[in-house]
N, C-alpha and C. Protein backbone atom coordinates (compact mmCIF):
# COMPACT_ATOMS: atom_id res chain seq x y z
N MET A 1 0.29 -12.13 -10.60
CA MET A 1 -0.57 -11.88 -11.73
C MET A 1 -2.00 -12.10 -11.25
N THR A 2 -2.87 -11.20 -11.63
CA THR A 2 -4.27 -11.31 -11.20
C THR A 2 -5.05 -12.18 -12.17
N ALA A 3 -6.20 -12.66 -11.70
CA ALA A 3 -7.09 -13.43 -12.57
C ALA A 3 -7.53 -12.57 -13.75
N PHE A 4 -7.74 -11.27 -13.50
CA PHE A 4 -8.14 -10.36 -14.58
C PHE A 4 -7.06 -10.33 -15.67
N GLN A 5 -5.80 -10.22 -15.26
CA GLN A 5 -4.72 -10.19 -16.24
C GLN A 5 -4.66 -11.49 -17.03
N ARG A 6 -4.71 -12.60 -16.31
CA ARG A 6 -4.53 -13.91 -16.94
C ARG A 6 -5.69 -14.27 -17.87
N PHE A 7 -6.92 -14.02 -17.43
CA PHE A 7 -8.08 -14.53 -18.17
C PHE A 7 -8.84 -13.49 -18.99
N VAL A 8 -8.53 -12.21 -18.80
CA VAL A 8 -9.23 -11.17 -19.56
C VAL A 8 -8.24 -10.34 -20.38
N GLU A 9 -7.36 -9.62 -19.69
CA GLU A 9 -6.48 -8.67 -20.38
C GLU A 9 -5.49 -9.35 -21.33
N MET A 10 -4.78 -10.36 -20.88
CA MET A 10 -3.77 -10.99 -21.73
C MET A 10 -4.36 -11.65 -22.97
N PRO A 11 -5.50 -12.37 -22.87
CA PRO A 11 -6.10 -12.90 -24.10
C PRO A 11 -6.58 -11.80 -25.06
N LEU A 12 -7.07 -10.68 -24.51
CA LEU A 12 -7.53 -9.59 -25.37
C LEU A 12 -6.38 -8.86 -26.06
N THR A 13 -5.29 -8.64 -25.33
CA THR A 13 -4.18 -7.86 -25.88
C THR A 13 -3.11 -8.72 -26.53
N GLY A 14 -3.10 -10.02 -26.24
CA GLY A 14 -2.06 -10.89 -26.77
C GLY A 14 -0.72 -10.73 -26.06
N ARG A 15 -0.74 -10.03 -24.93
CA ARG A 15 0.48 -9.78 -24.17
C ARG A 15 0.90 -11.04 -23.42
N ASN A 16 2.21 -11.28 -23.36
CA ASN A 16 2.74 -12.38 -22.56
C ASN A 16 2.75 -11.95 -21.09
N GLU A 17 2.94 -12.92 -20.21
CA GLU A 17 2.96 -12.57 -18.79
C GLU A 17 4.17 -11.69 -18.48
N SER A 18 3.98 -10.82 -17.51
CA SER A 18 5.03 -9.89 -17.11
C SER A 18 5.96 -10.54 -16.11
N TYR A 19 7.24 -10.30 -16.30
CA TYR A 19 8.23 -10.77 -15.35
C TYR A 19 8.79 -9.62 -14.51
N ALA A 20 8.11 -8.49 -14.52
CA ALA A 20 8.57 -7.33 -13.76
C ALA A 20 8.69 -7.64 -12.26
N PRO A 21 7.71 -8.32 -11.65
CA PRO A 21 7.88 -8.61 -10.22
C PRO A 21 9.11 -9.48 -9.92
N SER A 22 9.37 -10.49 -10.76
CA SER A 22 10.56 -11.32 -10.50
C SER A 22 11.84 -10.54 -10.79
N ASP A 23 11.79 -9.63 -11.76
CA ASP A 23 12.96 -8.78 -12.02
C ASP A 23 13.28 -7.93 -10.79
N LEU A 24 12.25 -7.42 -10.14
CA LEU A 24 12.43 -6.62 -8.93
C LEU A 24 13.04 -7.47 -7.81
N VAL A 25 12.51 -8.65 -7.60
CA VAL A 25 13.04 -9.55 -6.56
C VAL A 25 14.49 -9.91 -6.86
N MET A 26 14.78 -10.22 -8.12
CA MET A 26 16.14 -10.58 -8.50
C MET A 26 17.11 -9.43 -8.26
N LYS A 27 16.67 -8.22 -8.54
CA LYS A 27 17.53 -7.04 -8.36
C LYS A 27 17.74 -6.73 -6.87
N LEU A 28 16.65 -6.77 -6.09
CA LEU A 28 16.74 -6.41 -4.67
C LEU A 28 17.48 -7.46 -3.84
N PHE A 29 17.24 -8.73 -4.13
CA PHE A 29 17.79 -9.81 -3.30
C PHE A 29 18.96 -10.55 -3.96
N ARG A 30 19.36 -10.07 -5.12
CA ARG A 30 20.50 -10.65 -5.84
C ARG A 30 20.39 -12.16 -5.99
N VAL A 31 19.22 -12.57 -6.45
CA VAL A 31 19.00 -13.99 -6.77
C VAL A 31 18.90 -14.12 -8.28
N ALA A 32 19.33 -15.26 -8.79
CA ALA A 32 19.28 -15.49 -10.23
C ALA A 32 18.94 -16.95 -10.49
N PRO A 33 17.64 -17.23 -10.69
CA PRO A 33 17.27 -18.62 -11.00
C PRO A 33 17.99 -19.09 -12.26
N LYS A 34 18.46 -20.32 -12.22
CA LYS A 34 19.22 -20.85 -13.36
C LYS A 34 18.32 -21.44 -14.44
N ARG A 35 17.19 -22.00 -14.03
CA ARG A 35 16.29 -22.62 -15.00
C ARG A 35 15.07 -21.74 -15.24
N LYS A 36 14.52 -21.87 -16.44
CA LYS A 36 13.36 -21.08 -16.83
C LYS A 36 12.17 -21.33 -15.90
N ARG A 37 11.95 -22.60 -15.54
CA ARG A 37 10.81 -22.90 -14.67
C ARG A 37 11.00 -22.33 -13.28
N ASP A 38 12.25 -22.22 -12.81
CA ASP A 38 12.50 -21.61 -11.51
C ASP A 38 12.22 -20.11 -11.54
N ARG A 39 12.58 -19.49 -12.66
CA ARG A 39 12.28 -18.06 -12.80
C ARG A 39 10.77 -17.85 -12.84
N ARG A 40 10.06 -18.72 -13.53
CA ARG A 40 8.60 -18.61 -13.60
C ARG A 40 7.99 -18.81 -12.21
N ARG A 41 8.51 -19.76 -11.47
CA ARG A 41 8.03 -20.00 -10.10
C ARG A 41 8.29 -18.76 -9.25
N LEU A 42 9.49 -18.19 -9.35
CA LEU A 42 9.81 -16.95 -8.63
C LEU A 42 8.85 -15.84 -9.04
N ASN A 43 8.52 -15.78 -10.31
CA ASN A 43 7.62 -14.75 -10.81
C ASN A 43 6.23 -14.87 -10.16
N TYR A 44 5.73 -16.11 -10.03
CA TYR A 44 4.43 -16.29 -9.39
C TYR A 44 4.48 -15.90 -7.92
N VAL A 45 5.54 -16.27 -7.24
CA VAL A 45 5.70 -15.89 -5.84
C VAL A 45 5.79 -14.36 -5.72
N ALA A 46 6.54 -13.74 -6.62
CA ALA A 46 6.68 -12.28 -6.60
C ALA A 46 5.35 -11.59 -6.89
N HIS A 47 4.57 -12.13 -7.83
CA HIS A 47 3.25 -11.56 -8.09
C HIS A 47 2.37 -11.68 -6.85
N PHE A 48 2.43 -12.81 -6.17
CA PHE A 48 1.67 -13.00 -4.95
C PHE A 48 2.10 -11.96 -3.90
N GLY A 49 3.41 -11.73 -3.80
CA GLY A 49 3.93 -10.72 -2.88
C GLY A 49 3.43 -9.32 -3.22
N VAL A 50 3.33 -9.02 -4.51
CA VAL A 50 2.79 -7.72 -4.93
C VAL A 50 1.35 -7.58 -4.45
N GLY A 51 0.57 -8.64 -4.60
CA GLY A 51 -0.82 -8.61 -4.13
C GLY A 51 -0.91 -8.39 -2.63
N ILE A 52 -0.07 -9.07 -1.89
CA ILE A 52 -0.04 -8.90 -0.43
C ILE A 52 0.35 -7.46 -0.09
N ALA A 53 1.36 -6.93 -0.79
CA ALA A 53 1.80 -5.55 -0.54
C ALA A 53 0.67 -4.55 -0.80
N TRP A 54 -0.09 -4.77 -1.89
CA TRP A 54 -1.22 -3.88 -2.18
C TRP A 54 -2.25 -3.97 -1.06
N GLY A 55 -2.51 -5.17 -0.56
CA GLY A 55 -3.48 -5.34 0.52
C GLY A 55 -3.04 -4.65 1.80
N VAL A 56 -1.80 -4.87 2.18
CA VAL A 56 -1.27 -4.23 3.39
C VAL A 56 -1.24 -2.71 3.20
N GLY A 57 -0.76 -2.28 2.05
CA GLY A 57 -0.71 -0.84 1.76
C GLY A 57 -2.09 -0.21 1.81
N HIS A 58 -3.06 -0.89 1.23
CA HIS A 58 -4.42 -0.36 1.26
C HIS A 58 -4.91 -0.23 2.70
N GLY A 59 -4.70 -1.29 3.46
CA GLY A 59 -5.14 -1.26 4.86
C GLY A 59 -4.51 -0.13 5.65
N LEU A 60 -3.21 0.04 5.51
CA LEU A 60 -2.51 1.09 6.25
C LEU A 60 -2.92 2.49 5.80
N ILE A 61 -2.91 2.72 4.51
CA ILE A 61 -3.21 4.06 4.01
C ILE A 61 -4.66 4.43 4.28
N ALA A 62 -5.59 3.55 3.93
CA ALA A 62 -7.01 3.85 4.10
C ALA A 62 -7.37 4.03 5.57
N THR A 63 -6.83 3.17 6.44
CA THR A 63 -7.15 3.26 7.86
C THR A 63 -6.57 4.52 8.47
N ARG A 64 -5.31 4.78 8.20
CA ARG A 64 -4.67 5.98 8.78
C ARG A 64 -5.32 7.28 8.29
N ALA A 65 -5.71 7.29 7.03
CA ALA A 65 -6.32 8.51 6.47
C ALA A 65 -7.82 8.56 6.72
N GLY A 66 -8.39 7.49 7.26
CA GLY A 66 -9.82 7.45 7.53
C GLY A 66 -10.65 7.42 6.25
N LEU A 67 -10.13 6.78 5.21
CA LEU A 67 -10.81 6.75 3.92
C LEU A 67 -11.53 5.42 3.72
N ARG A 68 -12.64 5.49 2.99
CA ARG A 68 -13.39 4.30 2.62
C ARG A 68 -13.87 4.45 1.19
N GLY A 69 -14.29 3.34 0.61
CA GLY A 69 -14.88 3.38 -0.72
C GLY A 69 -13.91 3.83 -1.80
N GLN A 70 -14.46 4.55 -2.78
CA GLN A 70 -13.66 4.96 -3.93
C GLN A 70 -12.57 5.96 -3.57
N ARG A 71 -12.77 6.76 -2.53
CA ARG A 71 -11.70 7.68 -2.11
C ARG A 71 -10.49 6.90 -1.64
N ALA A 72 -10.74 5.85 -0.86
CA ALA A 72 -9.63 5.01 -0.39
C ALA A 72 -8.96 4.33 -1.57
N ILE A 73 -9.76 3.77 -2.47
CA ILE A 73 -9.21 3.05 -3.61
C ILE A 73 -8.37 3.99 -4.49
N GLY A 74 -8.89 5.17 -4.78
CA GLY A 74 -8.15 6.14 -5.61
C GLY A 74 -6.87 6.62 -4.95
N THR A 75 -6.94 6.90 -3.67
CA THR A 75 -5.76 7.37 -2.93
C THR A 75 -4.70 6.29 -2.88
N VAL A 76 -5.13 5.08 -2.54
CA VAL A 76 -4.18 3.97 -2.45
C VAL A 76 -3.58 3.65 -3.82
N PHE A 77 -4.42 3.66 -4.86
CA PHE A 77 -3.92 3.42 -6.22
C PHE A 77 -2.82 4.42 -6.55
N GLY A 78 -3.07 5.70 -6.33
CA GLY A 78 -2.08 6.73 -6.65
C GLY A 78 -0.78 6.55 -5.88
N ALA A 79 -0.91 6.26 -4.60
CA ALA A 79 0.29 6.12 -3.76
C ALA A 79 1.09 4.87 -4.13
N ILE A 80 0.41 3.74 -4.23
CA ILE A 80 1.14 2.49 -4.45
C ILE A 80 1.61 2.37 -5.90
N TRP A 81 0.74 2.67 -6.86
CA TRP A 81 1.16 2.55 -8.26
C TRP A 81 2.26 3.57 -8.57
N GLY A 82 2.09 4.79 -8.09
CA GLY A 82 3.12 5.80 -8.31
C GLY A 82 4.45 5.40 -7.72
N GLY A 83 4.41 4.87 -6.49
CA GLY A 83 5.63 4.40 -5.84
C GLY A 83 6.26 3.24 -6.58
N ASP A 84 5.42 2.35 -7.10
CA ASP A 84 5.89 1.19 -7.85
C ASP A 84 6.64 1.64 -9.11
N VAL A 85 6.04 2.55 -9.86
CA VAL A 85 6.68 3.04 -11.08
C VAL A 85 7.98 3.78 -10.75
N LEU A 86 7.95 4.63 -9.72
CA LEU A 86 9.17 5.37 -9.34
C LEU A 86 10.28 4.43 -8.89
N ALA A 87 9.94 3.44 -8.05
CA ALA A 87 10.96 2.52 -7.55
C ALA A 87 11.57 1.68 -8.68
N ASN A 88 10.71 1.15 -9.55
CA ASN A 88 11.22 0.34 -10.65
C ASN A 88 12.05 1.17 -11.63
N THR A 89 11.68 2.43 -11.81
CA THR A 89 12.45 3.32 -12.67
C THR A 89 13.80 3.63 -12.02
N ALA A 90 13.78 3.93 -10.72
CA ALA A 90 15.02 4.25 -10.01
C ALA A 90 15.99 3.07 -10.00
N LEU A 91 15.46 1.87 -9.98
CA LEU A 91 16.31 0.67 -9.99
C LEU A 91 16.74 0.27 -11.40
N GLY A 92 16.28 1.01 -12.40
CA GLY A 92 16.65 0.72 -13.78
C GLY A 92 15.90 -0.45 -14.39
N LEU A 93 14.77 -0.82 -13.79
CA LEU A 93 14.00 -1.97 -14.28
C LEU A 93 12.97 -1.60 -15.34
N THR A 94 12.60 -0.34 -15.39
CA THR A 94 11.62 0.10 -16.38
C THR A 94 11.94 1.51 -16.84
N LYS A 95 11.45 1.83 -18.01
CA LYS A 95 11.62 3.18 -18.56
C LYS A 95 10.24 3.64 -19.05
N PRO A 96 9.43 4.21 -18.15
CA PRO A 96 8.06 4.56 -18.53
C PRO A 96 7.96 5.53 -19.70
N TRP A 97 8.99 6.33 -19.92
CA TRP A 97 8.96 7.28 -21.04
C TRP A 97 9.04 6.56 -22.39
N ARG A 98 9.37 5.28 -22.36
CA ARG A 98 9.40 4.49 -23.60
C ARG A 98 8.14 3.64 -23.80
N TRP A 99 7.22 3.70 -22.85
CA TRP A 99 5.99 2.90 -22.96
C TRP A 99 5.10 3.44 -24.07
N SER A 100 4.48 2.55 -24.79
CA SER A 100 3.49 2.96 -25.80
C SER A 100 2.17 3.30 -25.10
N ARG A 101 1.26 3.89 -25.83
CA ARG A 101 -0.07 4.16 -25.26
C ARG A 101 -0.72 2.88 -24.78
N GLN A 102 -0.55 1.81 -25.56
CA GLN A 102 -1.13 0.52 -25.16
C GLN A 102 -0.49 0.03 -23.87
N ASP A 103 0.83 0.16 -23.73
CA ASP A 103 1.52 -0.26 -22.51
C ASP A 103 0.98 0.51 -21.30
N ILE A 104 0.85 1.81 -21.45
CA ILE A 104 0.37 2.65 -20.35
C ILE A 104 -1.07 2.27 -20.00
N THR A 105 -1.89 2.09 -21.02
CA THR A 105 -3.29 1.72 -20.78
C THR A 105 -3.39 0.38 -20.06
N ILE A 106 -2.64 -0.59 -20.52
CA ILE A 106 -2.66 -1.92 -19.88
C ILE A 106 -2.18 -1.80 -18.44
N GLU A 107 -1.10 -1.10 -18.22
CA GLU A 107 -0.55 -0.93 -16.87
C GLU A 107 -1.58 -0.29 -15.93
N ILE A 108 -2.20 0.78 -16.38
CA ILE A 108 -3.16 1.48 -15.52
C ILE A 108 -4.42 0.65 -15.30
N VAL A 109 -4.96 0.06 -16.35
CA VAL A 109 -6.18 -0.74 -16.20
C VAL A 109 -5.93 -1.94 -15.29
N ASP A 110 -4.82 -2.65 -15.51
CA ASP A 110 -4.51 -3.80 -14.66
C ASP A 110 -4.41 -3.39 -13.20
N LYS A 111 -3.73 -2.29 -12.93
CA LYS A 111 -3.53 -1.86 -11.55
C LYS A 111 -4.81 -1.27 -10.95
N LEU A 112 -5.65 -0.64 -11.77
CA LEU A 112 -6.94 -0.17 -11.26
C LEU A 112 -7.84 -1.33 -10.86
N VAL A 113 -7.84 -2.38 -11.67
CA VAL A 113 -8.63 -3.57 -11.32
C VAL A 113 -8.09 -4.17 -10.02
N LEU A 114 -6.76 -4.23 -9.88
CA LEU A 114 -6.16 -4.73 -8.65
C LEU A 114 -6.55 -3.84 -7.47
N ALA A 115 -6.51 -2.53 -7.65
CA ALA A 115 -6.88 -1.60 -6.57
C ALA A 115 -8.35 -1.76 -6.18
N GLU A 116 -9.22 -1.91 -7.17
CA GLU A 116 -10.65 -2.11 -6.88
C GLU A 116 -10.88 -3.40 -6.11
N ALA A 117 -10.27 -4.48 -6.57
CA ALA A 117 -10.44 -5.78 -5.90
C ALA A 117 -9.89 -5.71 -4.47
N THR A 118 -8.75 -5.08 -4.31
CA THR A 118 -8.14 -4.94 -2.99
C THR A 118 -9.03 -4.11 -2.08
N GLY A 119 -9.53 -2.99 -2.60
CA GLY A 119 -10.39 -2.12 -1.80
C GLY A 119 -11.68 -2.79 -1.39
N LEU A 120 -12.31 -3.48 -2.32
CA LEU A 120 -13.57 -4.18 -1.99
C LEU A 120 -13.33 -5.30 -0.98
N THR A 121 -12.24 -6.01 -1.14
CA THR A 121 -11.90 -7.08 -0.19
C THR A 121 -11.65 -6.49 1.19
N PHE A 122 -10.89 -5.40 1.24
CA PHE A 122 -10.59 -4.75 2.52
C PHE A 122 -11.88 -4.29 3.19
N GLN A 123 -12.76 -3.64 2.43
CA GLN A 123 -14.02 -3.17 3.00
C GLN A 123 -14.85 -4.33 3.55
N ARG A 124 -14.91 -5.40 2.80
CA ARG A 124 -15.69 -6.57 3.21
C ARG A 124 -15.13 -7.17 4.49
N LEU A 125 -13.81 -7.34 4.53
CA LEU A 125 -13.19 -7.91 5.72
C LEU A 125 -13.30 -6.99 6.92
N SER A 126 -13.11 -5.70 6.71
CA SER A 126 -13.19 -4.77 7.84
C SER A 126 -14.63 -4.63 8.33
N ALA A 127 -15.62 -4.75 7.45
CA ALA A 127 -17.02 -4.70 7.87
C ALA A 127 -17.34 -5.91 8.74
N LYS A 128 -16.84 -7.09 8.36
CA LYS A 128 -17.07 -8.29 9.16
C LYS A 128 -16.39 -8.16 10.52
N THR A 129 -15.21 -7.56 10.54
CA THR A 129 -14.51 -7.37 11.81
C THR A 129 -15.31 -6.46 12.72
N HIS A 130 -15.87 -5.39 12.17
CA HIS A 130 -16.65 -4.46 12.97
C HIS A 130 -17.98 -5.07 13.42
N GLU A 131 -18.54 -6.00 12.64
CA GLU A 131 -19.78 -6.67 13.04
C GLU A 131 -19.56 -7.51 14.28
N ASP A 132 -18.37 -8.07 14.44
CA ASP A 132 -18.08 -8.94 15.57
C ASP A 132 -17.88 -8.16 16.87
N LYS A 133 -17.58 -6.88 16.77
CA LYS A 133 -17.31 -6.08 17.96
C LYS A 133 -18.62 -5.54 18.54
N PRO A 134 -18.72 -5.53 19.85
CA PRO A 134 -19.92 -4.94 20.43
C PRO A 134 -19.90 -3.43 20.23
N PRO A 135 -21.08 -2.80 20.23
CA PRO A 135 -21.10 -1.34 20.06
C PRO A 135 -20.44 -0.67 21.26
N PRO A 136 -19.90 0.53 21.06
CA PRO A 136 -19.26 1.23 22.18
C PRO A 136 -20.30 1.59 23.23
N PRO A 137 -19.88 1.71 24.49
CA PRO A 137 -20.84 2.07 25.54
C PRO A 137 -21.37 3.47 25.32
N PRO A 138 -22.59 3.73 25.79
CA PRO A 138 -23.12 5.10 25.64
C PRO A 138 -22.30 6.07 26.47
N PRO A 139 -22.28 7.34 26.07
CA PRO A 139 -21.50 8.32 26.83
C PRO A 139 -22.08 8.49 28.23
N THR A 140 -21.19 8.75 29.18
CA THR A 140 -21.63 8.98 30.55
C THR A 140 -22.00 10.44 30.71
N ASP A 141 -22.64 10.77 31.82
CA ASP A 141 -23.02 12.17 32.07
C ASP A 141 -21.78 13.06 32.13
N ALA A 142 -20.68 12.54 32.66
CA ALA A 142 -19.45 13.34 32.78
C ALA A 142 -18.90 13.69 31.40
N SER A 143 -19.05 12.79 30.43
CA SER A 143 -18.50 13.08 29.12
C SER A 143 -19.35 14.08 28.36
N ARG A 144 -20.62 14.26 28.80
CA ARG A 144 -21.49 15.24 28.14
C ARG A 144 -21.42 16.60 28.80
N ALA A 145 -20.80 16.69 29.96
CA ALA A 145 -20.75 17.96 30.68
C ALA A 145 -19.88 18.95 29.93
N PRO A 146 -20.28 20.23 29.92
CA PRO A 146 -19.46 21.24 29.22
C PRO A 146 -18.13 21.41 29.93
N ALA A 147 -17.12 21.72 29.17
CA ALA A 147 -15.79 21.96 29.74
C ALA A 147 -15.81 23.25 30.54
N LEU A 148 -15.11 23.24 31.68
CA LEU A 148 -15.03 24.44 32.50
C LEU A 148 -13.90 25.33 31.98
N GLU A 149 -14.18 26.60 31.91
CA GLU A 149 -13.14 27.53 31.47
C GLU A 149 -12.37 28.02 32.67
N SER A 150 -11.08 28.11 32.53
CA SER A 150 -10.28 28.65 33.63
C SER A 150 -10.08 30.13 33.38
N THR A 151 -10.12 30.87 34.46
CA THR A 151 -9.95 32.33 34.32
C THR A 151 -8.67 32.81 34.81
C-alpha cells in the first residue's frame, strides 16, 4: 500500500485497505494465514513486493526500450497495470467487469500515482548513477573514418 493510498485516497473515499496483493500471494503460493493479524502482515509484505515489482519492471522496460520521463511512465503503467489486471482476472481473484466507476477510478489513480513515483525515483537514481561514471572517451580518428565500400 502506498502512502498516497493510506493518507490521501482511503480517507477521501472511505475505502478499506485492499487485500488483493495478499490474495494473490495466497493463491500462488498456497499459503493461508490462520490469524487476522498474520493475514494483515502478509498483506503488507505483499504490497511491498508489488512496489518492488513495479520498480524492477520500470527499470527493465524503460531501459530496454530507451524511454525516459512520461513516455517511460506511461508505457510501464500500461504494461504492468494491464498485466496485473489480466493475471488477477485469469486467477479468478478479480472481476473487472463488475467494478463500479469509482472502483475503476480509484484503481487507475492509485496505480498512476505509483507509476509516477516509481518513474521519478528511477530517473533520480539512474541520473546519480550516470553522474558517478566518467564521460566516454572521445572518438578516435579510426572511428571517424568513412567505411570502405567493397566492389
